[in-house]
PDB file of N, CA and C in Angstrom:
ATOM      1  N   MET A   1     134.087  71.455  70.403  1.00  0.00           N
ATOM      2  CA  MET A   1     133.474  71.625  71.547  1.00  0.00           C
ATOM      3  C   MET A   1     131.972  71.877  71.396  1.00  0.00           C
ATOM      4  N   CYS A   2     130.982  71.148  72.026  1.00  0.00           N
ATOM      5  CA  CYS A   2     129.695  71.390  71.776  1.00  0.00           C
ATOM      6  C   CYS A   2     128.812  72.217  72.894  1.00  0.00           C
ATOM      7  N   LEU A   3     128.042  72.935  72.332  1.00  0.00           N
ATOM      8  CA  LEU A   3     127.234  73.913  73.098  1.00  0.00           C
ATOM      9  C   LEU A   3     125.739  73.619  73.036  1.00  0.00           C
ATOM     10  N   SER A   4     125.039  73.804  74.070  1.00  0.00           N
ATOM     11  CA  SER A   4     123.901  73.654  74.388  1.00  0.00           C
ATOM     12  C   SER A   4     122.926  74.551  73.473  1.00  0.00           C
ATOM     13  N   GLU A   5     121.833  74.599  73.173  1.00  0.00           N
ATOM     14  CA  GLU A   5     120.934  75.451  72.438  1.00  0.00           C
ATOM     15  C   GLU A   5     119.773  75.935  73.157  1.00  0.00           C
ATOM     16  N   VAL A   6     119.220  77.123  73.172  1.00  0.00           N
ATOM     17  CA  VAL A   6     117.945  77.318  73.946  1.00  0.00           C
ATOM     18  C   VAL A   6     116.899  77.465  72.659  1.00  0.00           C
ATOM     19  N   GLY A   7     116.025  77.215  72.985  1.00  0.00           N
ATOM     20  CA  GLY A   7     114.706  77.126  71.774  1.00  0.00           C
ATOM     21  C   GLY A   7     113.315  76.966  72.593  1.00  0.00           C
ATOM     22  N   ARG A   8     112.453  77.226  71.632  1.00  0.00           N
ATOM     23  CA  ARG A   8     111.102  77.109  72.083  1.00  0.00           C
ATOM     24  C   ARG A   8     110.222  75.914  71.261  1.00  0.00           C
ATOM     25  N   VAL A   9     109.517  75.515  72.037  1.00  0.00           N
ATOM     26  CA  VAL A   9     108.780  74.173  71.438  1.00  0.00           C
ATOM     27  C   VAL A   9     107.735  74.879  70.667  1.00  0.00           C
ATOM     28  N   VAL A  10     108.035  74.361  68.983  1.00  0.00           N
ATOM     29  CA  VAL A  10     106.548  74.984  67.948  1.00  0.00           C
ATOM     30  C   VAL A  10     105.841  73.546  67.491  1.00  0.00           C
ATOM     31  N   ASP A  11     106.007  72.387  67.649  1.00  0.00           N
ATOM     32  CA  ASP A  11     105.098  71.148  67.614  1.00  0.00           C
ATOM     33  C   ASP A  11     105.557  70.259  68.244  1.00  0.00           C
ATOM     34  N   VAL A  12     104.923  69.374  68.571  1.00  0.00           N
ATOM     35  CA  VAL A  12     105.063  68.061  69.432  1.00  0.00           C
ATOM     36  C   VAL A  12     104.822  66.946  68.605  1.00  0.00           C
ATOM     37  N   ASP A  13     105.313  65.778  68.538  1.00  0.00           N
ATOM     38  CA  ASP A  13     105.132  64.418  68.235  1.00  0.00           C
ATOM     39  C   ASP A  13     104.946  63.815  69.328  1.00  0.00           C
ATOM     40  N   ALA A  14     104.009  63.240  70.103  1.00  0.00           N
ATOM     41  CA  ALA A  14     103.969  62.389  71.512  1.00  0.00           C
ATOM     42  C   ALA A  14     104.306  61.478  71.014  1.00  0.00           C
ATOM     43  N   GLN A  15     103.852  60.419  70.023  1.00  0.00           N
ATOM     44  CA  GLN A  15     104.047  59.221  69.512  1.00  0.00           C
ATOM     45  C   GLN A  15     105.464  58.736  69.377  1.00  0.00           C
ATOM     46  N   ARG A  16     106.202  59.819  69.166  1.00  0.00           N
ATOM     47  CA  ARG A  16     107.977  59.520  68.546  1.00  0.00           C
ATOM     48  C   ARG A  16     108.513  60.152  69.738  1.00  0.00           C
ATOM     49  N   HIS A  17     107.914  60.791  70.795  1.00  0.00           N
ATOM     50  CA  HIS A  17     108.660  61.425  71.990  1.00  0.00           C
ATOM     51  C   HIS A  17     109.632  62.385  71.405  1.00  0.00           C
ATOM     52  N   SER A  18     109.313  63.347  70.517  1.00  0.00           N
ATOM     53  CA  SER A  18     109.995  64.470  69.929  1.00  0.00           C
ATOM     54  C   SER A  18     109.033  65.410  69.694  1.00  0.00           C
ATOM     55  N   VAL A  19     109.900  66.778  69.644  1.00  0.00           N
ATOM     56  CA  VAL A  19     109.512  68.134  69.350  1.00  0.00           C
ATOM     57  C   VAL A  19     110.126  68.808  68.381  1.00  0.00           C
ATOM     58  N   ALA A  20     109.363  69.844  67.697  1.00  0.00           N
ATOM     59  CA  ALA A  20     110.083  70.667  66.696  1.00  0.00           C
ATOM     60  C   ALA A  20     110.567  71.902  67.671  1.00  0.00           C
ATOM     61  N   VAL A  21     111.879  72.281  67.574  1.00  0.00           N
ATOM     62  CA  VAL A  21     112.216  73.340  68.548  1.00  0.00           C
ATOM     63  C   VAL A  21     112.754  74.818  67.737  1.00  0.00           C
ATOM     64  N   ASP A  22     112.147  75.780  67.736  1.00  0.00           N
ATOM     65  CA  ASP A  22     112.848  76.928  67.102  1.00  0.00           C
ATOM     66  C   ASP A  22     113.916  77.288  67.751  1.00  0.00           C
ATOM     67  N   ILE A  23     115.058  77.206  67.217  1.00  0.00           N
ATOM     68  CA  ILE A  23     116.474  77.492  67.998  1.00  0.00           C
ATOM     69  C   ILE A  23     116.714  79.178  67.545  1.00  0.00           C
ATOM     70  N   GLY A  24     116.308  79.702  66.552  1.00  0.00           N
ATOM     71  CA  GLY A  24     116.399  80.936  66.044  1.00  0.00           C
ATOM     72  C   GLY A  24     116.543  81.187  64.446  1.00  0.00           C
ATOM     73  N   ASP A  25     117.566  80.083  64.305  1.00  0.00           N
ATOM     74  CA  ASP A  25     117.740  80.400  62.517  1.00  0.00           C
ATOM     75  C   ASP A  25     117.738  79.128  62.003  1.00  0.00           C
ATOM     76  N   ARG A  26     117.057  77.967  62.773  1.00  0.00           N
ATOM     77  CA  ARG A  26     116.425  76.837  62.502  1.00  0.00           C
ATOM     78  C   ARG A  26     115.353  76.092  63.399  1.00  0.00           C
ATOM     79  N   ILE A  27     114.495  75.541  62.562  1.00  0.00           N
ATOM     80  CA  ILE A  27     113.661  74.535  63.601  1.00  0.00           C
ATOM     81  C   ILE A  27     114.583  72.896  63.634  1.00  0.00           C
ATOM     82  N   MET A  28     114.469  72.564  64.795  1.00  0.00           N
ATOM     83  CA  MET A  28     115.263  71.464  64.885  1.00  0.00           C
ATOM     84  C   MET A  28     114.238  70.249  65.700  1.00  0.00           C
ATOM     85  N   SER A  29     114.477  69.248  64.887  1.00  0.00           N
ATOM     86  CA  SER A  29     113.880  67.848  65.748  1.00  0.00           C
ATOM     87  C   SER A  29     114.454  67.568  66.890  1.00  0.00           C
ATOM     88  N   VAL A  30     113.814  67.392  67.908  1.00  0.00           N
ATOM     89  CA  VAL A  30     114.509  67.297  69.414  1.00  0.00           C
ATOM     90  C   VAL A  30     114.028  66.114  70.122  1.00  0.00           C
ATOM     91  N   SER A  31     114.453  64.918  70.571  1.00  0.00           N
ATOM     92  CA  SER A  31     113.890  63.828  71.319  1.00  0.00           C
ATOM     93  C   SER A  31     113.680  64.559  72.866  1.00  0.00           C
ATOM     94  N   THR A  32     112.626  64.071  73.397  1.00  0.00           N
ATOM     95  CA  THR A  32     112.235  64.483  74.481  1.00  0.00           C
ATOM     96  C   THR A  32     112.108  63.346  75.578  1.00  0.00           C
ATOM     97  N   VAL A  33     112.759  62.105  75.369  1.00  0.00           N
ATOM     98  CA  VAL A  33     112.655  61.018  75.915  1.00  0.00           C
ATOM     99  C   VAL A  33     113.439  61.334  77.415  1.00  0.00           C
ATOM    100  N   THR A  34     114.140  62.083  77.370  1.00  0.00           N
ATOM    101  CA  THR A  34     114.885  62.207  78.728  1.00  0.00           C
ATOM    102  C   THR A  34     113.757  63.247  79.644  1.00  0.00           C
ATOM    103  N   LEU A  35     113.340  64.300  79.402  1.00  0.00           N
ATOM    104  CA  LEU A  35     112.348  64.774  79.707  1.00  0.00           C
ATOM    105  C   LEU A  35     111.451  64.192  80.397  1.00  0.00           C
ATOM    106  N   GLY A  36     110.932  63.129  79.591  1.00  0.00           N
ATOM    107  CA  GLY A  36     109.933  61.972  80.218  1.00  0.00           C
ATOM    108  C   GLY A  36     109.952  61.761  81.441  1.00  0.00           C
ATOM    109  N   LEU A  37     111.156  61.496  81.940  1.00  0.00           N
ATOM    110  CA  LEU A  37     111.628  60.880  82.901  1.00  0.00           C
ATOM    111  C   LEU A  37     111.401  61.563  84.087  1.00  0.00           C
ATOM    112  N   ASP A  38     111.211  63.222  83.887  1.00  0.00           N
ATOM    113  CA  ASP A  38     111.079  64.105  85.101  1.00  0.00           C
ATOM    114  C   ASP A  38     110.011  64.747  84.795  1.00  0.00           C
ATOM    115  N   GLY A  39     108.828  64.658  84.639  1.00  0.00           N
ATOM    116  CA  GLY A  39     107.733  65.340  84.505  1.00  0.00           C
ATOM    117  C   GLY A  39     106.933  65.240  83.292  1.00  0.00           C
ATOM    118  N   PRO A  40     106.099  65.712  83.003  1.00  0.00           N
ATOM    119  CA  PRO A  40     105.051  65.894  81.790  1.00  0.00           C
ATOM    120  C   PRO A  40     105.995  66.154  80.591  1.00  0.00           C
ATOM    121  N   PRO A  41     105.375  65.610  79.369  1.00  0.00           N
ATOM    122  CA  PRO A  41     106.130  66.214  77.932  1.00  0.00           C
ATOM    123  C   PRO A  41     106.042  67.613  77.950  1.00  0.00           C
ATOM    124  N   PRO A  42     107.003  68.429  76.961  1.00  0.00           N
ATOM    125  CA  PRO A  42     106.724  69.163  76.754  1.00  0.00           C
ATOM    126  C   PRO A  42     105.860  69.602  75.732  1.00  0.00           C
ATOM    127  N   ASP A  43     105.329  70.835  76.048  1.00  0.00           N
ATOM    128  CA  ASP A  43     104.234  71.518  75.102  1.00  0.00           C
ATOM    129  C   ASP A  43     104.521  72.716  74.372  1.00  0.00           C
ATOM    130  N   ILE A  44     103.519  72.888  73.454  1.00  0.00           N
ATOM    131  CA  ILE A  44     103.839  74.175  72.614  1.00  0.00           C
ATOM    132  C   ILE A  44     104.243  75.345  73.237  1.00  0.00           C
ATOM    133  N   GLY A  45     105.352  75.961  72.964  1.00  0.00           N
ATOM    134  CA  GLY A  45     105.482  77.366  73.775  1.00  0.00           C
ATOM    135  C   GLY A  45     106.532  77.174  74.836  1.00  0.00           C
ATOM    136  N   ASP A  46     106.775  75.670  75.386  1.00  0.00           N
ATOM    137  CA  ASP A  46     107.652  75.727  76.066  1.00  0.00           C
ATOM    138  C   ASP A  46     109.106  75.969  75.649  1.00  0.00           C
ATOM    139  N   TRP A  47     110.169  76.527  76.612  1.00  0.00           N
ATOM    140  CA  TRP A  47     111.274  76.689  76.758  1.00  0.00           C
ATOM    141  C   TRP A  47     112.021  75.725  76.801  1.00  0.00           C
ATOM    142  N   LEU A  48     113.235  75.256  76.196  1.00  0.00           N
ATOM    143  CA  LEU A  48     113.852  73.998  76.325  1.00  0.00           C
ATOM    144  C   LEU A  48     115.500  74.221  75.970  1.00  0.00           C
ATOM    145  N   VAL A  49     116.468  73.453  76.832  1.00  0.00           N
ATOM    146  CA  VAL A  49     117.694  73.693  76.548  1.00  0.00           C
ATOM    147  C   VAL A  49     117.985  72.138  75.712  1.00  0.00           C
ATOM    148  N   VAL A  50     118.720  72.519  74.759  1.00  0.00           N
ATOM    149  CA  VAL A  50     118.894  71.205  73.759  1.00  0.00           C
ATOM    150  C   VAL A  50     120.243  70.895  73.589  1.00  0.00           C
ATOM    151  N   HIS A  51     120.734  69.671  73.928  1.00  0.00           N
ATOM    152  CA  HIS A  51     121.911  69.166  73.438  1.00  0.00           C
ATOM    153  C   HIS A  51     122.261  67.878  72.841  1.00  0.00           C
ATOM    154  N   THR A  52     122.889  68.046  71.628  1.00  0.00           N
ATOM    155  CA  THR A  52     123.063  66.856  70.857  1.00  0.00           C
ATOM    156  C   THR A  52     121.545  66.237  70.225  1.00  0.00           C
ATOM    157  N   GLY A  53     120.901  66.932  70.197  1.00  0.00           N
ATOM    158  CA  GLY A  53     119.357  66.499  69.843  1.00  0.00           C
ATOM    159  C   GLY A  53     118.414  66.045  70.430  1.00  0.00           C
ATOM    160  N   PHE A  54     118.600  66.284  72.205  1.00  0.00           N
ATOM    161  CA  PHE A  54     118.200  65.737  72.995  1.00  0.00           C
ATOM    162  C   PHE A  54     117.552  67.052  74.071  1.00  0.00           C
ATOM    163  N   ALA A  55     116.307  66.846  74.534  1.00  0.00           N
ATOM    164  CA  ALA A  55     115.955  67.961  75.277  1.00  0.00           C
ATOM    165  C   ALA A  55     116.538  67.726  76.778  1.00  0.00           C
ATOM    166  N   ILE A  56     117.164  68.483  77.282  1.00  0.00           N
ATOM    167  CA  ILE A  56     117.929  67.947  78.802  1.00  0.00           C
ATOM    168  C   ILE A  56     117.277  68.945  79.780  1.00  0.00           C
ATOM    169  N   GLU A  57     116.738  70.031  79.529  1.00  0.00           N
ATOM    170  CA  GLU A  57     116.183  70.706  80.662  1.00  0.00           C
ATOM    171  C   GLU A  57     115.138  71.779  80.192  1.00  0.00           C
ATOM    172  N   ARG A  58     114.101  71.953  81.033  1.00  0.00           N
ATOM    173  CA  ARG A  58     113.076  72.764  80.599  1.00  0.00           C
ATOM    174  C   ARG A  58     113.383  74.199  81.436  1.00  0.00           C
ATOM    175  N   LEU A  59     113.095  75.290  80.548  1.00  0.00           N
ATOM    176  CA  LEU A  59     113.374  76.434  81.492  1.00  0.00           C
ATOM    177  C   LEU A  59     111.970  77.543  81.115  1.00  0.00           C
ATOM    178  N   ALA A  60     112.048  78.222  82.266  1.00  0.00           N
ATOM    179  CA  ALA A  60     111.143  79.338  82.389  1.00  0.00           C
ATOM    180  C   ALA A  60     111.202  80.508  81.240  1.00  0.00           C
ATOM    181  N   GLU A  61     110.523  80.905  81.010  1.00  0.00           N
ATOM    182  CA  GLU A  61     110.611  81.992  79.958  1.00  0.00           C
ATOM    183  C   GLU A  61     111.593  83.221  80.223  1.00  0.00           C
ATOM    184  N   ALA A  62     111.371  83.672  81.602  1.00  0.00           N
ATOM    185  CA  ALA A  62     112.528  84.766  81.924  1.00  0.00           C
ATOM    186  C   ALA A  62     113.765  84.046  81.641  1.00  0.00           C
ATOM    187  N   ALA A  63     114.230  83.004  82.495  1.00  0.00           N
ATOM    188  CA  ALA A  63     115.560  82.509  81.957  1.00  0.00           C
ATOM    189  C   ALA A  63     115.891  82.295  80.606  1.00  0.00           C
ATOM    190  N   ALA A  64     115.096  81.766  79.940  1.00  0.00           N
ATOM    191  CA  ALA A  64     115.531  81.633  78.747  1.00  0.00           C
ATOM    192  C   ALA A  64     115.898  82.844  77.651  1.00  0.00           C
ATOM    193  N   THR A  65     115.015  83.946  78.061  1.00  0.00           N
ATOM    194  CA  THR A  65     115.172  85.164  77.320  1.00  0.00           C
ATOM    195  C   THR A  65     116.403  85.742  77.579  1.00  0.00           C
ATOM    196  N   GLU A  66     116.895  85.524  79.200  1.00  0.00           N
ATOM    197  CA  GLU A  66     118.217  86.178  79.682  1.00  0.00           C
ATOM    198  C   GLU A  66     119.389  85.166  79.236  1.00  0.00           C
ATOM    199  N   ILE A  67     119.234  83.852  78.810  1.00  0.00           N
ATOM    200  CA  ILE A  67     120.464  83.217  78.076  1.00  0.00           C
ATOM    201  C   ILE A  67     120.381  83.760  76.735  1.00  0.00           C
ATOM    202  N   LEU A  68     119.285  83.907  76.172  1.00  0.00           N
ATOM    203  CA  LEU A  68     119.536  84.183  74.483  1.00  0.00           C
ATOM    204  C   LEU A  68     119.998  85.913  74.444  1.00  0.00           C
ATOM    205  N   ARG A  69     119.577  86.762  75.583  1.00  0.00           N
ATOM    206  CA  ARG A  69     120.262  88.138  75.572  1.00  0.00           C
ATOM    207  C   ARG A  69     121.724  87.794  75.911  1.00  0.00           C
ATOM    208  N   ALA A  70     122.257  87.095  76.802  1.00  0.00           N
ATOM    209  CA  ALA A  70     123.611  87.173  77.128  1.00  0.00           C
ATOM    210  C   ALA A  70     124.373  86.264  75.918  1.00  0.00           C
ATOM    211  N   ARG A  71     123.822  85.523  75.305  1.00  0.00           N
ATOM    212  CA  ARG A  71     124.734  84.952  74.047  1.00  0.00           C
ATOM    213  C   ARG A  71     124.535  86.012  73.250  1.00  0.00           C
ATOM    214  N   GLN A  72     123.547  86.749  72.946  1.00  0.00           N
ATOM    215  CA  GLN A  72     123.504  87.882  71.795  1.00  0.00           C
ATOM    216  C   GLN A  72     124.835  88.622  71.762  1.00  0.00           C
ATOM    217  N   GLU A  73     124.925  89.021  73.277  1.00  0.00           N
ATOM    218  CA  GLU A  73     126.098  90.049  73.370  1.00  0.00           C
ATOM    219  C   GLU A  73     127.337  89.570  73.200  1.00  0.00           C
ATOM    220  N   LEU A  74     127.540  87.859  73.212  1.00  0.00           N
ATOM    221  CA  LEU A  74     128.602  87.389  73.165  1.00  0.00           C
ATOM    222  C   LEU A  74     129.050  87.164  71.469  1.00  0.00           C
ATOM    223  N   THR A  75     128.526  87.429  70.719  1.00  0.00           N
ATOM    224  CA  THR A  75     128.733  87.514  69.134  1.00  0.00           C
ATOM    225  C   THR A  75     129.633  87.708  68.792  1.00  0.00           C
ATOM    226  N   PRO A  76     130.362  86.935  67.832  1.00  0.00           N
ATOM    227  CA  PRO A  76     131.777  87.358  67.322  1.00  0.00           C
ATOM    228  C   PRO A  76     131.873  88.888  66.772  1.00  0.00           C
ATOM    229  N   SER A  77     130.888  89.427  66.400  1.00  0.00           N
ATOM    230  CA  SER A  77     130.839  90.925  66.242  1.00  0.00           C
ATOM    231  C   SER A  77     131.072  91.817  67.383  1.00  0.00           C
ATOM    232  N   SER A  78     130.779  91.296  68.701  1.00  0.00           N
ATOM    233  CA  SER A  78     130.830  92.022  69.949  1.00  0.00           C
ATOM    234  C   SER A  78     132.096  92.108  70.433  1.00  0.00           C
ATOM    235  N   ILE A  79     132.890  91.280  69.780  1.00  0.00           N
ATOM    236  CA  ILE A  79     134.577  90.878  70.391  1.00  0.00           C
ATOM    237  C   ILE A  79     135.304  91.604  69.599  1.00  0.00           C
ATOM    238  N   ASP A  80     136.396  92.527  69.762  1.00  0.00           N
ATOM    239  CA  ASP A  80     137.076  93.369  69.264  1.00  0.00           C
ATOM    240  C   ASP A  80     138.283  92.166  68.678  1.00  0.00           C
ATOM    241  N   GLY A  81     138.804  92.303  67.571  1.00  0.00           N
ATOM    242  CA  GLY A  81     139.970  91.692  67.041  1.00  0.00           C
ATOM    243  C   GLY A  81     139.824  90.532  66.511  1.00  0.00           C
ATOM    244  N   ASP A  82     140.606  89.864  65.958  1.00  0.00           N
ATOM    245  CA  ASP A  82     140.819  88.531  65.575  1.00  0.00           C
ATOM    246  C   ASP A  82     140.978  87.401  66.429  1.00  0.00           C
ATOM    247  N   PRO A  83     139.991  86.369  66.408  1.00  0.00           N
ATOM    248  CA  PRO A  83     140.088  85.615  67.790  1.00  0.00           C
ATOM    249  C   PRO A  83     141.429  84.542  67.419  1.00  0.00           C
ATOM    250  N   LYS A  84     141.960  84.383  66.552  1.00  0.00           N
ATOM    251  CA  LYS A  84     143.436  83.709  66.273  1.00  0.00           C
ATOM    252  C   LYS A  84     144.241  84.716  66.842  1.00  0.00           C
ATOM    253  N   GLU A  85     144.380  86.080  66.968  1.00  0.00           N
ATOM    254  CA  GLU A  85     145.356  86.739  67.654  1.00  0.00           C
ATOM    255  C   GLU A  85     145.335  86.649  69.073  1.00  0.00           C
ATOM    256  N   ARG A  86     144.009  85.972  69.688  1.00  0.00           N
ATOM    257  CA  ARG A  86     144.027  86.193  71.397  1.00  0.00           C
ATOM    258  C   ARG A  86     144.645  85.073  71.995  1.00  0.00           C
ATOM    259  N   PRO A  87     145.145  85.491  73.070  1.00  0.00           N
ATOM    260  CA  PRO A  87     146.135  84.637  74.197  1.00  0.00           C
ATOM    261  C   PRO A  87     145.399  83.478  74.295  1.00  0.00           C
TER     262      PRO A  87
END
């Protein structure tokens, strides 16, 4: 299963239609081709939803921080027991 990532743009390469996105534990090169169809290209500091190397959505900072907070609460350390033993 693939999950989307939420990250903040830290660098922009307009010629290549790509940005560097800080996902938290790594910096990822992301294509912005799909976002170019729906408005201006992202800028440094913008929050994006990234899926399989493509930026698929822009987020307001409040929405991004809420998603990141919710994901943090769902880390394996926050779940009791061995996942293999769950129904």
